[in-house]
N, C-alpha and C. Protein backbone atom coordinates (compact mmCIF):
# COMPACT_ATOMS: atom_id res chain seq x y z
N MET A 1 1.10 -0.88 0.34
CA MET A 1 0.09 -0.33 -0.17
C MET A 1 0.79 1.67 -0.17
N SER A 2 0.52 1.86 -1.40
CA SER A 2 0.97 3.22 -0.68
C SER A 2 1.12 4.05 0.30
N ARG A 3 1.99 4.37 0.70
CA ARG A 3 2.24 5.61 1.89
C ARG A 3 1.00 6.78 2.12
N SER A 4 0.39 7.24 0.96
CA SER A 4 -0.17 8.00 0.92
C SER A 4 -1.80 7.76 1.01
N ALA A 5 -2.00 7.20 2.50
CA ALA A 5 -2.98 6.87 2.99
C ALA A 5 -4.10 8.18 3.23
N ILE A 6 -2.94 9.51 3.21
CA ILE A 6 -4.32 10.74 3.08
C ILE A 6 -3.52 11.15 2.29
N GLN A 7 -3.80 11.98 1.48
CA GLN A 7 -3.33 12.46 0.22
C GLN A 7 -2.82 13.65 0.71
N THR A 8 -1.96 14.33 -0.70
CA THR A 8 -1.33 15.69 -0.01
C THR A 8 -1.99 16.68 -0.43
N THR A 9 -1.46 17.73 0.49
CA THR A 9 -2.66 18.93 0.09
C THR A 9 -1.28 19.65 -0.74
N THR A 10 -0.43 18.75 -1.50
CA THR A 10 0.97 20.28 -1.85
C THR A 10 1.06 20.10 -3.07
N SER A 11 -0.02 20.21 -4.12
CA SER A 11 -0.13 19.87 -5.52
C SER A 11 0.28 20.54 -6.03
N PHE A 12 0.64 22.38 -5.05
CA PHE A 12 0.96 23.31 -5.68
C PHE A 12 1.28 24.36 -4.93
N HIS A 13 1.82 25.55 -4.95
CA HIS A 13 2.25 25.97 -3.94
C HIS A 13 0.97 27.16 -3.34
N TRP A 14 1.13 27.05 -1.59
CA TRP A 14 -0.15 27.39 -1.08
C TRP A 14 0.07 28.61 -0.80
N ASN A 15 1.13 29.01 -0.80
CA ASN A 15 1.58 31.07 -0.56
C ASN A 15 0.72 31.72 -2.18
N THR A 16 1.07 30.84 -3.04
CA THR A 16 0.34 31.61 -4.16
C THR A 16 -0.64 31.88 -4.27
N TYR A 17 -1.87 31.06 -3.50
CA TYR A 17 -3.66 31.05 -3.51
C TYR A 17 -3.34 31.93 -2.21
N ASN A 18 -2.26 32.62 -1.40
CA ASN A 18 -2.46 32.92 -0.03
C ASN A 18 -3.47 31.96 0.91
N MET A 19 -3.11 30.81 0.90
CA MET A 19 -3.43 29.72 1.51
C MET A 19 -2.86 28.84 2.91
N MET A 20 -2.89 28.58 4.12
CA MET A 20 -2.42 27.91 4.76
C MET A 20 -2.54 26.52 4.75
N GLU A 21 -2.17 25.78 5.19
CA GLU A 21 -2.41 24.04 5.05
C GLU A 21 -2.64 23.53 6.87
N TYR A 22 -3.63 23.34 6.69
CA TYR A 22 -4.59 22.81 7.86
C TYR A 22 -4.56 21.06 8.21
N MET A 23 -4.66 20.96 9.38
CA MET A 23 -4.77 19.60 9.57
C MET A 23 -5.55 19.53 10.74
N LEU A 24 -6.07 18.40 10.66
CA LEU A 24 -6.92 18.04 12.07
C LEU A 24 -6.45 16.87 12.07
N VAL A 25 -5.84 16.85 13.90
CA VAL A 25 -5.70 15.20 14.38
C VAL A 25 -6.31 15.42 15.57
N LEU A 26 -5.47 13.61 15.84
CA LEU A 26 -6.19 12.90 17.59
C LEU A 26 -4.56 12.90 18.01
N GLN A 27 -4.62 13.57 19.15
CA GLN A 27 -3.17 13.30 20.04
C GLN A 27 -3.32 11.81 21.28
N PRO A 28 -2.74 10.92 21.27
CA PRO A 28 -2.50 10.14 22.29
C PRO A 28 -2.42 10.74 23.79
N SER A 29 -2.56 10.08 24.75
CA SER A 29 -2.43 10.35 25.83
C SER A 29 -1.15 10.80 26.36
N ASP A 30 -1.08 10.75 27.17
CA ASP A 30 0.33 11.91 27.86
C ASP A 30 1.44 10.53 28.07
N GLN A 31 0.55 9.78 28.24
CA GLN A 31 1.73 7.97 28.78
C GLN A 31 1.60 7.53 27.98
N VAL A 32 0.68 7.53 26.81
CA VAL A 32 1.04 6.79 25.55
C VAL A 32 1.98 7.60 24.77
N ASN A 33 2.00 9.02 24.49
CA ASN A 33 2.79 9.64 24.74
C ASN A 33 4.41 9.07 24.09
N GLU A 34 5.07 9.46 26.10
CA GLU A 34 5.69 8.81 25.92
C GLU A 34 6.33 7.44 25.38
N LYS A 35 5.87 6.62 25.83
CA LYS A 35 5.53 5.52 24.59
C LYS A 35 6.43 5.24 23.32
N VAL A 36 5.30 6.26 22.97
CA VAL A 36 5.89 6.57 21.05
C VAL A 36 7.23 7.29 21.28
N LEU A 37 7.19 7.81 21.68
CA LEU A 37 8.48 9.25 21.73
C LEU A 37 9.35 7.98 22.28
N LEU A 38 9.52 6.80 22.88
CA LEU A 38 10.82 6.12 23.25
C LEU A 38 10.53 5.70 22.35
N GLU A 39 9.73 4.93 21.74
CA GLU A 39 9.77 3.59 20.34
C GLU A 39 11.02 4.72 19.08
N LYS A 40 10.18 5.99 19.04
CA LYS A 40 11.17 7.21 17.92
C LYS A 40 12.98 7.41 18.38
N GLN A 41 13.17 7.01 19.57
CA GLN A 41 13.72 7.53 19.86
C GLN A 41 14.85 6.16 19.53
N ASP A 42 14.18 5.19 19.92
CA ASP A 42 14.49 4.08 19.62
C ASP A 42 15.35 3.69 18.37
N PHE A 43 14.20 3.77 17.17
CA PHE A 43 14.43 4.10 15.64
C PHE A 43 15.51 5.18 15.39
N SER A 44 15.66 5.88 15.99
CA SER A 44 16.73 7.32 15.83
C SER A 44 17.86 6.10 15.93
N HIS A 45 18.28 6.03 16.74
CA HIS A 45 19.93 5.26 17.82
C HIS A 45 19.50 3.94 16.97
N GLN A 46 18.73 3.40 16.40
CA GLN A 46 18.88 2.06 15.70
C GLN A 46 18.90 2.54 14.13
N TYR A 47 19.00 2.80 13.50
CA TYR A 47 18.82 3.37 11.90
C TYR A 47 19.86 4.28 11.59
N GLY A 48 19.81 5.16 12.96
CA GLY A 48 20.70 6.19 12.23
C GLY A 48 19.91 7.25 11.76
N THR A 49 18.66 7.44 12.04
CA THR A 49 17.70 8.46 11.06
C THR A 49 17.52 9.86 12.61
N LYS A 50 17.09 10.81 11.77
CA LYS A 50 16.28 11.99 12.52
C LYS A 50 15.28 11.98 13.17
N THR A 51 15.08 12.34 14.21
CA THR A 51 14.27 12.67 15.45
C THR A 51 13.94 13.80 15.88
N THR A 52 12.12 14.08 16.41
CA THR A 52 12.18 15.32 16.82
C THR A 52 11.63 15.14 17.96
N PRO A 53 12.32 14.93 19.22
CA PRO A 53 11.59 14.27 20.75
C PRO A 53 10.50 15.17 21.07
N LYS A 54 10.48 16.39 20.76
CA LYS A 54 10.00 17.73 21.32
C LYS A 54 8.71 17.56 21.02
N SER A 55 8.53 17.24 19.42
CA SER A 55 7.05 17.38 19.21
C SER A 55 6.30 15.82 19.40
N LYS A 56 5.10 16.30 19.99
CA LYS A 56 4.05 15.07 20.01
C LYS A 56 3.45 14.44 19.23
N PRO A 57 3.61 12.85 18.72
CA PRO A 57 3.35 11.94 18.00
C PRO A 57 1.67 12.75 18.12
N TYR A 58 1.02 12.50 16.30
CA TYR A 58 -0.44 12.60 16.46
C TYR A 58 -0.69 11.76 15.08
N ILE A 59 -1.81 11.92 15.33
CA ILE A 59 -2.70 11.09 14.24
C ILE A 59 -3.23 11.56 13.45
N THR A 60 -3.47 12.11 12.03
CA THR A 60 -3.69 13.12 11.29
C THR A 60 -4.98 11.94 10.61
N ILE A 61 -6.51 12.88 10.41
CA ILE A 61 -8.07 12.88 10.16
C ILE A 61 -8.11 13.13 8.22
N ALA A 62 -7.37 14.55 8.93
CA ALA A 62 -7.67 15.53 7.66
C ALA A 62 -6.94 16.65 7.28
N THR A 63 -6.30 16.87 5.97
CA THR A 63 -6.36 18.16 5.95
C THR A 63 -5.93 18.82 4.67
N PHE A 64 -6.73 20.23 5.00
CA PHE A 64 -6.92 21.38 4.10
C PHE A 64 -6.29 22.33 4.16
N LEU A 65 -6.54 22.96 2.57
CA LEU A 65 -5.89 24.67 2.86
C LEU A 65 -7.14 25.71 2.73
N ALA A 66 -6.98 26.52 3.22
CA ALA A 66 -7.32 27.20 3.70
C ALA A 66 -6.66 29.19 4.00
N LYS A 67 -7.64 29.81 3.76
CA LYS A 67 -7.38 31.48 3.99
C LYS A 67 -7.36 31.43 5.45
N GLU A 68 -6.67 31.91 5.80
CA GLU A 68 -6.56 32.20 7.33
C GLU A 68 -7.57 33.53 7.79
N ALA A 69 -7.99 33.99 7.12
CA ALA A 69 -9.33 34.89 7.32
C ALA A 69 -10.21 34.25 7.82
N MET A 70 -10.55 32.07 7.12
CA MET A 70 -11.33 31.75 7.46
C MET A 70 -11.52 31.40 8.91
N GLU A 71 -10.64 31.12 9.93
CA GLU A 71 -10.36 30.39 10.77
C GLU A 71 -11.63 31.14 11.76
N GLY A 72 -12.19 31.99 11.86
CA GLY A 72 -13.17 32.04 12.86
C GLY A 72 -14.44 31.22 12.22
N THR A 73 -14.66 31.30 11.21
CA THR A 73 -15.88 30.71 10.78
C THR A 73 -15.17 28.95 10.53
N LEU A 74 -13.87 28.46 10.40
CA LEU A 74 -13.97 27.17 10.53
C LEU A 74 -14.11 26.53 12.26
N ASN A 75 -13.80 27.38 13.05
CA ASN A 75 -13.79 27.38 14.40
C ASN A 75 -15.29 26.75 14.63
N ARG A 76 -16.17 27.88 14.33
CA ARG A 76 -17.98 27.81 14.36
C ARG A 76 -17.90 26.21 14.15
N TRP A 77 -17.49 26.29 12.72
CA TRP A 77 -17.91 25.04 12.15
C TRP A 77 -17.33 23.53 12.48
N ILE A 78 -16.02 23.56 12.77
CA ILE A 78 -15.66 22.04 13.38
C ILE A 78 -16.09 21.67 14.73
N ASN A 79 -16.31 23.45 15.79
CA ASN A 79 -17.16 23.13 17.06
C ASN A 79 -18.17 22.68 17.23
N ASN A 80 -19.38 23.01 16.38
CA ASN A 80 -20.29 22.57 16.21
C ASN A 80 -20.40 20.53 15.82
N ILE A 81 -19.37 20.26 14.86
CA ILE A 81 -19.31 18.90 14.36
C ILE A 81 -18.72 18.11 15.89
N CYS A 82 -18.09 18.77 16.25
CA CYS A 82 -17.51 18.31 17.54
C CYS A 82 -18.55 17.68 18.64
N ARG A 83 -19.37 18.92 19.04
CA ARG A 83 -20.19 19.17 19.97
C ARG A 83 -21.38 17.62 19.41
N GLN A 84 -21.21 17.61 18.64
CA GLN A 84 -22.12 16.44 18.25
C GLN A 84 -21.42 15.27 18.27
N GLN A 85 -20.00 14.64 18.43
CA GLN A 85 -19.33 13.58 18.34
C GLN A 85 -19.02 12.82 19.91
N GLN A 86 -19.45 11.71 20.07
CA GLN A 86 -19.02 11.23 21.44
C GLN A 86 -17.25 10.85 21.24
N GLY A 87 -17.36 11.46 22.64
CA GLY A 87 -15.98 10.87 22.95
C GLY A 87 -15.41 9.02 22.48
N PHE A 88 -14.22 8.80 22.41
CA PHE A 88 -14.01 7.44 22.00
C PHE A 88 -12.73 6.76 22.13
N GLU A 89 -12.84 5.01 22.45
CA GLU A 89 -11.48 4.95 22.43
C GLU A 89 -10.79 4.58 21.58
N LEU A 90 -9.33 4.75 21.61
CA LEU A 90 -8.39 3.79 19.90
C LEU A 90 -7.25 3.26 20.68
N THR A 91 -7.57 1.58 20.25
CA THR A 91 -6.15 1.31 20.61
C THR A 91 -5.17 0.84 19.50
N LEU A 92 -3.76 1.13 19.59
CA LEU A 92 -2.71 1.80 19.43
C LEU A 92 -2.02 0.04 19.14
N ASN A 93 -1.81 -0.93 18.20
CA ASN A 93 -1.75 -2.79 18.24
C ASN A 93 -0.40 -2.52 16.97
N ASN A 94 0.67 -3.01 17.77
CA ASN A 94 2.25 -3.36 16.61
C ASN A 94 2.33 -2.90 15.53
N PHE A 95 3.07 -2.93 15.14
CA PHE A 95 3.66 -1.95 13.84
C PHE A 95 3.25 -2.58 12.27
N SER A 96 3.78 -1.82 11.17
CA SER A 96 4.02 -1.82 9.73
C SER A 96 4.29 -1.05 9.51
N GLY A 97 3.92 -0.63 7.78
CA GLY A 97 4.52 0.64 7.21
C GLY A 97 4.35 0.07 5.86
N PHE A 98 4.10 1.50 4.98
CA PHE A 98 3.85 1.76 4.01
C PHE A 98 5.27 2.42 2.51
N PRO A 99 5.36 1.17 2.33
CA PRO A 99 5.94 1.58 1.41
C PRO A 99 6.08 3.02 0.61
N PRO A 100 7.67 3.17 0.11
CA PRO A 100 8.56 3.30 0.02
C PRO A 100 9.37 3.61 1.43
N ASP A 101 8.26 3.89 2.39
CA ASP A 101 9.46 5.33 3.48
C ASP A 101 9.04 5.52 5.01
N THR A 102 7.76 4.98 5.31
CA THR A 102 7.15 4.97 6.03
C THR A 102 6.81 3.72 7.48
N ILE A 103 7.10 3.90 8.65
CA ILE A 103 6.97 3.07 10.06
C ILE A 103 6.14 4.03 11.01
N TYR A 104 5.30 2.39 11.03
CA TYR A 104 3.87 3.49 12.02
C TYR A 104 3.18 2.33 12.36
N VAL A 105 2.80 2.74 13.71
CA VAL A 105 1.83 2.13 14.89
C VAL A 105 0.57 2.10 14.15
N ARG A 106 -0.11 0.67 14.06
CA ARG A 106 -1.15 0.84 13.77
C ARG A 106 -2.00 0.81 14.57
N VAL A 107 -3.25 1.61 13.96
CA VAL A 107 -4.13 1.38 14.88
C VAL A 107 -5.28 -0.10 15.02
N GLN A 108 -5.67 -0.54 16.04
CA GLN A 108 -5.94 -1.35 15.92
C GLN A 108 -7.98 -1.42 15.02
N ASP A 109 -8.83 -0.53 15.55
CA ASP A 109 -9.97 -0.83 15.36
C ASP A 109 -10.27 0.91 14.47
N PRO A 110 -9.90 1.18 13.60
CA PRO A 110 -10.59 3.11 12.87
C PRO A 110 -11.86 3.13 13.13
N MET A 111 -12.87 2.65 12.93
CA MET A 111 -13.94 2.33 13.01
C MET A 111 -14.77 3.61 13.90
N PRO A 112 -14.12 4.48 15.26
CA PRO A 112 -14.22 5.91 15.48
C PRO A 112 -13.89 6.72 15.38
N VAL A 113 -12.82 6.62 14.12
CA VAL A 113 -12.23 7.75 12.73
C VAL A 113 -12.89 7.89 12.08
N PHE A 114 -13.83 6.80 11.26
CA PHE A 114 -14.29 6.84 10.05
C PHE A 114 -15.30 7.39 10.06
N THR A 115 -16.11 6.81 11.31
CA THR A 115 -17.34 7.90 12.25
C THR A 115 -17.47 9.12 12.27
N LEU A 116 -15.88 9.44 13.12
CA LEU A 116 -16.32 11.44 12.96
C LEU A 116 -15.57 11.84 11.72
N THR A 117 -14.86 10.94 10.46
CA THR A 117 -14.63 11.35 8.96
C THR A 117 -16.17 11.83 8.95
N GLN A 118 -17.31 10.83 9.08
CA GLN A 118 -18.21 11.24 8.09
C GLN A 118 -18.90 12.63 8.62
N GLN A 119 -18.60 12.80 10.10
CA GLN A 119 -19.51 14.32 10.42
C GLN A 119 -18.16 15.24 9.52
N LEU A 120 -16.89 15.03 9.44
CA LEU A 120 -16.36 15.92 9.11
C LEU A 120 -16.49 16.40 7.61
N LYS A 121 -17.30 16.01 6.81
CA LYS A 121 -17.11 15.61 5.49
C LYS A 121 -18.52 17.13 5.54
N LYS A 122 -19.43 17.51 6.63
CA LYS A 122 -19.90 18.38 6.37
C LYS A 122 -19.11 20.14 5.73
N LEU A 123 -17.69 20.01 6.74
CA LEU A 123 -16.57 20.49 6.59
C LEU A 123 -16.13 21.12 5.43
N ASP A 124 -16.29 19.81 4.50
CA ASP A 124 -15.50 19.74 3.28
C ASP A 124 -16.81 20.40 2.56
N ASP A 125 -17.74 20.28 2.47
CA ASP A 125 -18.97 20.80 1.24
C ASP A 125 -18.59 22.81 2.14
N PHE A 126 -18.84 22.99 3.48
CA PHE A 126 -18.26 24.73 3.59
C PHE A 126 -17.04 25.15 2.82
N MET A 127 -16.20 24.18 2.46
CA MET A 127 -14.49 24.32 2.11
C MET A 127 -14.83 24.08 0.27
N ARG A 128 -15.30 23.45 -0.06
CA ARG A 128 -16.17 23.81 -1.53
C ARG A 128 -16.72 24.86 -1.84
N SER A 129 -17.21 25.31 -1.15
CA SER A 129 -18.21 26.55 -1.55
C SER A 129 -17.73 28.04 -1.04
N SER A 130 -16.59 27.63 -0.42
CA SER A 130 -15.78 28.99 -0.21
C SER A 130 -15.22 29.40 -0.60
N GLU A 131 -14.42 28.05 -2.22
CA GLU A 131 -13.72 28.21 -3.40
C GLU A 131 -11.92 27.30 -2.82
N CYS A 132 -11.93 26.83 -1.87
CA CYS A 132 -10.83 26.28 -1.34
C CYS A 132 -10.86 24.53 -2.10
N PRO A 133 -9.86 24.32 -2.17
CA PRO A 133 -9.74 22.76 -2.42
C PRO A 133 -10.07 22.16 -1.81
N PRO A 134 -10.80 20.55 -2.27
CA PRO A 134 -11.72 19.70 -1.54
C PRO A 134 -10.72 19.24 -0.41
N MET A 135 -11.33 18.86 1.21
CA MET A 135 -9.87 18.38 2.36
C MET A 135 -10.37 17.11 1.48
N LYS A 136 -8.46 16.59 2.43
CA LYS A 136 -8.39 14.56 1.79
C LYS A 136 -8.78 14.34 3.57
N PHE A 137 -9.17 13.39 3.45
CA PHE A 137 -9.28 12.40 4.35
C PHE A 137 -8.33 11.10 4.29
N SER A 138 -8.21 10.94 5.67
CA SER A 138 -7.11 9.52 5.99
C SER A 138 -8.07 8.02 6.04
N TYR A 139 -8.37 7.31 5.09
CA TYR A 139 -9.32 6.53 5.37
C TYR A 139 -8.08 4.70 5.92
N LYS A 140 -6.92 6.05 6.25
CA LYS A 140 -6.44 4.04 7.14
C LYS A 140 -5.58 5.17 8.13
N PRO A 141 -6.20 5.46 9.49
CA PRO A 141 -5.91 6.00 10.15
C PRO A 141 -4.31 5.45 10.73
N TYR A 142 -3.11 6.34 11.58
CA TYR A 142 -1.78 5.61 12.28
C TYR A 142 -1.28 6.58 12.67
N LEU A 143 -0.05 5.93 13.32
CA LEU A 143 1.05 7.19 13.78
C LEU A 143 1.97 6.08 14.02
N ALA A 144 2.91 7.76 12.86
CA ALA A 144 3.97 7.12 12.21
C ALA A 144 5.38 7.32 13.49
N ILE A 145 6.57 5.95 13.20
CA ILE A 145 7.01 6.24 13.89
C ILE A 145 8.23 6.75 13.14
N ALA A 146 8.18 6.99 12.31
CA ALA A 146 9.77 7.11 11.10
C ALA A 146 9.54 7.36 9.54
N GLN A 147 9.70 8.38 8.86
CA GLN A 147 9.20 8.95 7.76
C GLN A 147 10.41 8.97 6.81
N LYS A 148 10.50 9.28 5.12
CA LYS A 148 11.07 9.60 5.05
C LYS A 148 12.73 8.31 4.43
N LEU A 149 11.85 7.54 4.61
CA LEU A 149 13.60 6.57 4.90
C LEU A 149 13.88 6.30 3.58
N SER A 150 15.00 5.93 3.93
CA SER A 150 15.49 5.28 2.09
C SER A 150 15.14 3.47 1.95
N MET A 151 15.11 3.42 0.91
CA MET A 151 14.12 2.07 1.48
C MET A 151 15.12 0.69 1.24
N GLU A 152 16.36 1.00 1.72
CA GLU A 152 16.89 -0.10 1.94
C GLU A 152 16.62 0.32 3.76
N THR A 153 16.69 1.39 4.21
CA THR A 153 16.33 1.46 5.83
C THR A 153 14.68 0.85 6.05
N PHE A 154 13.92 1.32 5.13
CA PHE A 154 12.79 0.94 5.27
C PHE A 154 12.34 -0.78 5.62
N GLU A 155 13.31 -1.12 3.94
CA GLU A 155 12.86 -2.56 3.77
C GLU A 155 13.47 -3.36 5.36
N LYS A 156 14.62 -3.34 5.91
CA LYS A 156 15.17 -3.65 6.86
C LYS A 156 13.89 -3.63 8.46
N ALA A 157 13.98 -1.92 8.38
CA ALA A 157 13.27 -1.92 9.68
C ALA A 157 11.96 -2.71 9.57
N LEU A 158 10.87 -2.59 7.96
CA LEU A 158 10.04 -3.79 8.34
C LEU A 158 10.36 -4.68 8.53
N LYS A 159 11.24 -5.24 8.62
CA LYS A 159 11.12 -6.73 8.57
C LYS A 159 11.72 -6.84 10.02
N ASN A 160 12.06 -6.00 11.03
CA ASN A 160 12.46 -5.77 12.19
C ASN A 160 11.10 -5.71 12.95
N TYR A 161 10.30 -4.56 12.68
CA TYR A 161 9.23 -4.13 13.76
C TYR A 161 8.17 -5.12 12.97
N SER A 162 8.03 -6.07 12.03
CA SER A 162 6.87 -6.32 12.50
C SER A 162 7.12 -7.70 13.65
N GLN A 163 7.70 -7.78 13.80
CA GLN A 163 7.65 -8.88 14.52
C GLN A 163 7.85 -8.14 16.44
N LYS A 164 8.02 -6.87 15.89
CA LYS A 164 8.01 -6.30 17.54
C LYS A 164 6.44 -5.76 17.68
N GLU A 165 6.31 -5.79 19.18
CA GLU A 165 4.81 -5.32 20.34
C GLU A 165 4.59 -4.61 20.40
N PHE A 166 3.12 -4.33 20.19
CA PHE A 166 2.84 -2.40 20.65
C PHE A 166 1.44 -2.69 21.43
N HIS A 167 1.16 -2.47 22.34
CA HIS A 167 -0.29 -2.19 22.97
C HIS A 167 -0.76 -1.39 23.59
N GLU A 168 -1.24 -0.25 23.52
CA GLU A 168 -1.68 0.33 24.55
C GLU A 168 -2.95 1.05 24.13
N SER A 169 -3.73 1.64 24.89
CA SER A 169 -5.33 2.35 24.54
C SER A 169 -5.35 3.65 25.14
N PHE A 170 -5.86 4.28 24.71
CA PHE A 170 -5.98 5.85 24.99
C PHE A 170 -7.54 6.26 25.08
N ALA A 171 -7.91 7.43 25.36
CA ALA A 171 -9.33 8.03 25.20
C ALA A 171 -9.28 9.39 24.72
N VAL A 172 -9.89 8.83 23.57
CA VAL A 172 -10.26 10.63 22.10
C VAL A 172 -11.23 10.78 22.88
N GLU A 173 -10.76 12.58 23.58
CA GLU A 173 -11.32 13.08 24.14
C GLU A 173 -11.79 15.10 23.07
N GLU A 174 -10.68 14.96 22.08
CA GLU A 174 -10.75 16.30 21.54
C GLU A 174 -10.15 16.08 20.17
N LEU A 175 -10.44 16.99 19.35
CA LEU A 175 -10.07 16.84 17.93
C LEU A 175 -9.17 18.51 18.06
N ILE A 176 -7.68 18.67 17.76
CA ILE A 176 -6.98 19.22 17.64
C ILE A 176 -7.03 20.10 16.18
N LEU A 177 -6.77 21.47 16.17
CA LEU A 177 -6.73 21.77 14.58
C LEU A 177 -5.03 22.69 14.56
N LEU A 178 -4.51 21.87 13.84
CA LEU A 178 -2.75 22.61 13.27
C LEU A 178 -3.54 23.54 12.25
N LYS A 179 -2.16 24.00 11.79
CA LYS A 179 -1.70 24.59 10.62
C LYS A 179 -0.38 24.83 10.73
N ARG A 180 0.18 24.89 9.16
CA ARG A 180 1.77 25.49 8.95
C ARG A 180 1.52 26.25 7.46
N SER A 181 2.54 27.14 7.22
CA SER A 181 2.49 27.91 5.95
C SER A 181 3.16 27.27 4.65
N HIS A 182 3.82 25.99 4.73
CA HIS A 182 4.73 25.52 3.94
C HIS A 182 4.87 23.87 4.55
N GLU A 183 5.13 22.89 3.21
CA GLU A 183 5.10 21.02 3.89
C GLU A 183 6.21 21.42 4.92
N PHE A 184 7.45 22.01 4.89
CA PHE A 184 8.57 21.77 6.39
C PHE A 184 8.56 22.38 7.20
N ASP A 185 7.57 23.56 7.59
CA ASP A 185 7.09 24.29 8.44
C ASP A 185 7.02 23.27 9.65
N ALA A 186 7.51 23.43 11.28
CA ALA A 186 6.65 22.87 11.95
C ALA A 186 5.21 23.49 12.03
N SER A 187 4.34 22.55 12.84
CA SER A 187 2.91 23.09 12.72
C SER A 187 2.36 23.52 14.19
N SER A 188 1.66 24.62 14.17
CA SER A 188 1.59 25.50 15.08
C SER A 188 -0.18 25.24 15.57
N LEU A 189 -0.63 25.47 16.45
CA LEU A 189 -2.11 24.98 17.41
C LEU A 189 -2.69 26.10 16.76
N VAL A 190 -4.07 25.97 16.33
CA VAL A 190 -4.61 26.58 16.34
C VAL A 190 -6.13 26.95 17.54
N ASN A 191 -6.32 25.39 17.89
CA ASN A 191 -7.69 25.06 18.67
C ASN A 191 -7.93 24.12 18.55
N LYS A 192 -8.52 23.69 19.95
CA LYS A 192 -8.62 22.33 20.53
C LYS A 192 -10.54 22.53 20.80
N TYR A 193 -10.91 20.93 20.07
CA TYR A 193 -12.34 20.92 20.48
C TYR A 193 -12.41 19.62 21.21
N HIS A 194 -13.34 20.03 22.00
CA HIS A 194 -14.08 19.01 22.86
C HIS A 194 -15.46 18.03 22.66
N PHE A 195 -14.82 16.80 22.52
CA PHE A 195 -15.90 15.86 21.98
C PHE A 195 -17.52 15.79 23.55
N VAL A 196 -18.42 15.26 23.05
CA VAL A 196 -19.25 15.43 23.97
C VAL A 196 -18.72 14.72 25.64
N SER A 197 -18.35 13.67 25.61
CA SER A 197 -17.78 13.08 26.62
C SER A 197 -16.51 13.43 27.24
N GLY A 198 -16.00 14.61 26.70
CA GLY A 198 -14.79 15.01 26.96
C GLY A 198 -14.73 15.77 28.29
N SER A 199 -14.12 16.12 28.83
CA SER A 199 -13.71 16.56 29.86
C SER A 199 -13.70 18.28 28.97
N GLY A 200 -14.61 19.45 29.91
CA GLY A 200 -14.31 20.78 30.07
C GLY A 200 -14.94 20.92 29.04
N ASN A 201 -16.09 20.18 27.95
CA ASN A 201 -16.92 21.08 27.29
C ASN A 201 -17.71 22.10 27.45
N SER A 202 -18.02 23.15 26.44
CA SER A 202 -18.86 23.93 26.89
C SER A 202 -19.71 24.06 25.11
């Protein structure tokens, strides 16, 4: 399977159209984050790859391009969707890979993510009506351990990691919106949206 389980939104220069890239993501609990970061660091030490230990791992479920001036409206749309979404639990179970260059932790049962994705298609209708490109949804949610590997490193790592075990569960209580102005920039936080069963809903 191609690593482009989520289609890229970088088919043209965002700045040419005065747009930012936005990402809707789910983040594991702090306890699970620590274990995932240890896996990323172990991978880096074993295969000599670069890692970003300060960045929290996340599961991307959608990306889209929009103008920053739209953020107020986007916040209202996403908040309304999340206020109708029940929180859920996700389980991360063992490793796999997207040829030719990505090793990741599997989401054991992605159905709760698919349910959320169906609700987010309401936002896609708004994006299209606002003359923005259509949203790109992930139809195989995962949590990356290493990306942009050489084919040689990928093949060695996949053989090794297919034998390794990883099993952690966490409650998903919010959806997070990130943005960046260039595909090589670090992402910044725009907002967090609580689900119905999450703490601190308003």
